[in-house]
Amino acid sequence: MRVQEPSLVSRFFSSRLFLVATTVVLLITSLSFARAYYRNYQVQQEIRELKQEVTALEGKTLESMDILEYVKSDSFVEETARIDQNMKRPGEKVIVIKEVSDVQYGNAARTEVSKRGLFTNPVKWWNYFTKHK
């Protein structure tokens, strides 16, 4: 009986060379797929971050538009005129209260303040740390 020899094709597919070549091709394909998958992940992350930035900028734009509308309004003009330029409406009365200084009253003002128990902030802190309870 004669044993039939395997054909050239079947010998090639069962050889070690085919096994090594198939392993190398599979490894290169797997690495290429992993690199493409990671790059896709990075792009998706960047898209997500840019969408968040767009949302934040849209919010700032709306806020800026509200501020612009307020600046254009008559109430802002009136407030600016009252605060910055010390203006008043016609028929409105203004009362100015000046602060009392120690120079004007000398030591009499200080003794009056200490009699009433009103102390300056540094004196209050000094008393807080130095007086025993």
C-alpha atoms as a PDB file:
ATOM      1  CA  MET A   1       0.000   0.000   0.000  1.00  0.00           C
ATOM      2  CA  ARG A   2       1.173   3.253  -0.941  1.00  0.00           C
ATOM      3  CA  VAL A   3       0.811   6.219   1.418  1.00  0.00           C
ATOM      4  CA  GLN A   4      -0.319   9.300  -0.296  1.00  0.00           C
ATOM      5  CA  GLU A   5       1.889  12.309   0.353  1.00  0.00           C
ATOM      6  CA  PRO A   6       0.188  15.506   1.405  1.00  0.00           C
ATOM      7  CA  SER A   7      -0.082  18.098  -1.281  1.00  0.00           C
ATOM      8  CA  LEU A   8       2.057  21.198  -1.360  1.00  0.00           C
ATOM      9  CA  VAL A   9      -0.821  23.387  -0.180  1.00  0.00           C
ATOM     10  CA  SER A  10      -1.666  21.182   2.811  1.00  0.00           C
ATOM     11  CA  ARG A  11       2.030  20.997   3.755  1.00  0.00           C
ATOM     12  CA  PHE A  12       2.290  24.814   3.619  1.00  0.00           C
ATOM     13  CA  PHE A  13      -0.771  25.338   5.862  1.00  0.00           C
ATOM     14  CA  SER A  14       0.517  22.846   8.399  1.00  0.00           C
ATOM     15  CA  SER A  15       4.073  24.211   8.469  1.00  0.00           C
ATOM     16  CA  ARG A  16       5.645  26.370  11.154  1.00  0.00           C
ATOM     17  CA  LEU A  17       6.318  29.125   8.669  1.00  0.00           C
ATOM     18  CA  PHE A  18       2.583  29.521   8.098  1.00  0.00           C
ATOM     19  CA  LEU A  19       1.967  29.587  11.869  1.00  0.00           C
ATOM     20  CA  VAL A  20       4.584  32.306  12.415  1.00  0.00           C
ATOM     21  CA  ALA A  21       3.396  34.360   9.442  1.00  0.00           C
ATOM     22  CA  THR A  22      -0.250  34.121  10.568  1.00  0.00           C
ATOM     23  CA  THR A  23       0.710  35.150  14.121  1.00  0.00           C
ATOM     24  CA  VAL A  24       2.660  38.185  12.859  1.00  0.00           C
ATOM     25  CA  VAL A  25      -0.189  39.299  10.599  1.00  0.00           C
ATOM     26  CA  LEU A  26      -2.723  38.844  13.424  1.00  0.00           C
ATOM     27  CA  LEU A  27      -0.521  40.821  15.823  1.00  0.00           C
ATOM     28  CA  ILE A  28      -0.052  43.692  13.351  1.00  0.00           C
ATOM     29  CA  THR A  29      -3.792  43.783  12.661  1.00  0.00           C
ATOM     30  CA  SER A  30      -4.624  43.773  16.378  1.00  0.00           C
ATOM     31  CA  LEU A  31      -2.177  46.612  17.105  1.00  0.00           C
ATOM     32  CA  SER A  32      -3.546  48.633  14.218  1.00  0.00           C
ATOM     33  CA  PHE A  33      -7.111  48.131  15.473  1.00  0.00           C
ATOM     34  CA  ALA A  34      -6.134  49.077  19.047  1.00  0.00           C
ATOM     35  CA  ARG A  35      -4.393  52.253  17.836  1.00  0.00           C
ATOM     36  CA  ALA A  36      -7.415  53.248  15.731  1.00  0.00           C
ATOM     37  CA  TYR A  37      -9.782  52.534  18.639  1.00  0.00           C
ATOM     38  CA  TYR A  38      -7.679  54.675  21.024  1.00  0.00           C
ATOM     39  CA  ARG A  39      -7.514  57.530  18.512  1.00  0.00           C
ATOM     40  CA  ASN A  40     -11.295  57.370  18.121  1.00  0.00           C
ATOM     41  CA  TYR A  41     -11.647  57.531  21.917  1.00  0.00           C
ATOM     42  CA  GLN A  42      -9.412  60.633  22.046  1.00  0.00           C
ATOM     43  CA  VAL A  43     -11.422  62.350  19.315  1.00  0.00           C
ATOM     44  CA  GLN A  44     -14.686  61.605  21.128  1.00  0.00           C
ATOM     45  CA  GLN A  45     -13.253  63.056  24.361  1.00  0.00           C
ATOM     46  CA  GLU A  46     -12.164  66.202  22.527  1.00  0.00           C
ATOM     47  CA  ILE A  47     -15.616  66.559  20.953  1.00  0.00           C
ATOM     48  CA  ARG A  48     -17.241  66.223  24.383  1.00  0.00           C
ATOM     49  CA  GLU A  49     -14.926  68.888  25.860  1.00  0.00           C
ATOM     50  CA  LEU A  50     -15.585  71.261  22.963  1.00  0.00           C
ATOM     51  CA  LYS A  51     -19.346  70.838  23.362  1.00  0.00           C
ATOM     52  CA  GLN A  52     -19.028  71.741  27.054  1.00  0.00           C
ATOM     53  CA  GLU A  53     -16.953  74.785  26.137  1.00  0.00           C
ATOM     54  CA  VAL A  54     -19.561  75.845  23.572  1.00  0.00           C
ATOM     55  CA  THR A  55     -22.289  75.544  26.209  1.00  0.00           C
ATOM     56  CA  ALA A  56     -20.279  77.642  28.669  1.00  0.00           C
ATOM     57  CA  LEU A  57     -19.573  80.288  26.036  1.00  0.00           C
ATOM     58  CA  GLU A  58     -23.231  80.440  25.060  1.00  0.00           C
ATOM     59  CA  GLY A  59     -24.085  81.066  28.714  1.00  0.00           C
ATOM     60  CA  LYS A  60     -21.503  83.851  28.897  1.00  0.00           C
ATOM     61  CA  THR A  61     -22.878  85.342  25.691  1.00  0.00           C
ATOM     62  CA  LEU A  62     -26.396  85.424  27.129  1.00  0.00           C
ATOM     63  CA  GLU A  63     -25.064  86.998  30.315  1.00  0.00           C
ATOM     64  CA  SER A  64     -23.168  89.598  28.291  1.00  0.00           C
ATOM     65  CA  MET A  65     -26.295  90.375  26.290  1.00  0.00           C
ATOM     66  CA  ASP A  66     -28.245  90.896  29.536  1.00  0.00           C
ATOM     67  CA  ILE A  67     -25.539  93.241  30.818  1.00  0.00           C
ATOM     68  CA  LEU A  68     -25.554  95.121  27.513  1.00  0.00           C
ATOM     69  CA  GLU A  69     -29.321  95.532  27.668  1.00  0.00           C
ATOM     70  CA  TYR A  70     -29.034  96.845  31.241  1.00  0.00           C
ATOM     71  CA  VAL A  71     -26.287  99.294  30.251  1.00  0.00           C
ATOM     72  CA  LYS A  72     -28.511 100.595  27.439  1.00  0.00           C
ATOM     73  CA  SER A  73     -31.461 101.069  29.811  1.00  0.00           C
ATOM     74  CA  ASP A  74     -32.552 104.336  31.427  1.00  0.00           C
ATOM     75  CA  SER A  75     -32.162 102.900  34.927  1.00  0.00           C
ATOM     76  CA  PHE A  76     -28.441 102.379  34.363  1.00  0.00           C
ATOM     77  CA  VAL A  77     -28.020 105.904  33.044  1.00  0.00           C
ATOM     78  CA  GLU A  78     -29.860 107.274  36.078  1.00  0.00           C
ATOM     79  CA  GLU A  79     -27.844 105.134  38.515  1.00  0.00           C
ATOM     80  CA  THR A  80     -24.570 106.222  36.899  1.00  0.00           C
ATOM     81  CA  ALA A  81     -25.616 109.860  37.018  1.00  0.00           C
ATOM     82  CA  ARG A  82     -26.541 109.594  40.709  1.00  0.00           C
ATOM     83  CA  ILE A  83     -23.468 107.666  41.875  1.00  0.00           C
ATOM     84  CA  ASP A  84     -20.627 108.850  39.659  1.00  0.00           C
ATOM     85  CA  GLN A  85     -21.689 112.409  38.911  1.00  0.00           C
ATOM     86  CA  ASN A  86     -23.616 113.228  42.134  1.00  0.00           C
ATOM     87  CA  MET A  87     -26.718 114.290  40.226  1.00  0.00           C
ATOM     88  CA  LYS A  88     -30.299 114.297  41.470  1.00  0.00           C
ATOM     89  CA  ARG A  89     -33.773 114.366  39.978  1.00  0.00           C
ATOM     90  CA  PRO A  90     -35.621 117.657  39.740  1.00  0.00           C
ATOM     91  CA  GLY A  91     -37.509 118.295  42.998  1.00  0.00           C
ATOM     92  CA  GLU A  92     -35.509 115.703  44.920  1.00  0.00           C
ATOM     93  CA  LYS A  93     -33.845 116.730  48.199  1.00  0.00           C
ATOM     94  CA  VAL A  94     -30.386 115.458  49.134  1.00  0.00           C
ATOM     95  CA  ILE A  95     -28.973 115.272  52.657  1.00  0.00           C
ATOM     96  CA  VAL A  96     -25.214 115.027  53.153  1.00  0.00           C
ATOM     97  CA  ILE A  97     -23.952 113.623  56.453  1.00  0.00           C
ATOM     98  CA  LYS A  98     -20.313 114.253  57.222  1.00  0.00           C
ATOM     99  CA  GLU A  99     -18.312 112.049  59.565  1.00  0.00           C
ATOM    100  CA  VAL A 100     -17.105 113.508  62.869  1.00  0.00           C
ATOM    101  CA  SER A 101     -13.340 113.454  63.149  1.00  0.00           C
ATOM    102  CA  ASP A 102     -11.130 113.324  66.264  1.00  0.00           C
ATOM    103  CA  VAL A 103      -9.251 116.384  65.057  1.00  0.00           C
ATOM    104  CA  GLN A 104     -12.368 118.512  65.222  1.00  0.00           C
ATOM    105  CA  TYR A 105     -13.337 117.536  68.772  1.00  0.00           C
ATOM    106  CA  GLY A 106      -9.961 116.416  70.156  1.00  0.00           C
ATOM    107  CA  ASN A 107      -9.900 114.079  73.145  1.00  0.00           C
ATOM    108  CA  ALA A 108     -13.472 114.886  74.109  1.00  0.00           C
ATOM    109  CA  ALA A 109     -14.737 112.658  71.294  1.00  0.00           C
ATOM    110  CA  ARG A 110     -12.534 109.781  72.419  1.00  0.00           C
ATOM    111  CA  THR A 111     -13.648 109.960  76.039  1.00  0.00           C
ATOM    112  CA  GLU A 112     -17.290 110.137  74.921  1.00  0.00           C
ATOM    113  CA  VAL A 113     -16.807 107.049  72.746  1.00  0.00           C
ATOM    114  CA  SER A 114     -15.116 105.129  75.553  1.00  0.00           C
ATOM    115  CA  LYS A 115     -17.869 106.104  78.023  1.00  0.00           C
ATOM    116  CA  ARG A 116     -20.528 104.723  75.707  1.00  0.00           C
ATOM    117  CA  GLY A 117     -18.580 101.518  75.159  1.00  0.00           C
ATOM    118  CA  LEU A 118     -17.954 102.104  71.471  1.00  0.00           C
ATOM    119  CA  PHE A 119     -14.378 101.141  70.699  1.00  0.00           C
ATOM    120  CA  THR A 120     -12.410 101.004  67.493  1.00  0.00           C
ATOM    121  CA  ASN A 121     -11.797  97.622  65.963  1.00  0.00           C
ATOM    122  CA  PRO A 122      -8.130  97.318  67.051  1.00  0.00           C
ATOM    123  CA  VAL A 123      -9.104  98.181  70.635  1.00  0.00           C
ATOM    124  CA  LYS A 124     -11.802  95.515  70.586  1.00  0.00           C
ATOM    125  CA  TRP A 125      -9.290  92.911  69.393  1.00  0.00           C
ATOM    126  CA  TRP A 126      -6.747  94.015  72.023  1.00  0.00           C
ATOM    127  CA  ASN A 127      -9.374  93.648  74.731  1.00  0.00           C
ATOM    128  CA  TYR A 128     -10.449  90.286  73.364  1.00  0.00           C
ATOM    129  CA  PHE A 129      -6.948  88.808  73.566  1.00  0.00           C
ATOM    130  CA  THR A 130      -5.656  90.508  76.703  1.00  0.00           C
ATOM    131  CA  LYS A 131      -8.615  90.617  79.118  1.00  0.00           C
ATOM    132  CA  HIS A 132      -9.258  87.557  81.265  1.00  0.00           C
ATOM    133  CA  LYS A 133     -12.787  86.322  81.567  1.00  0.00           C
END
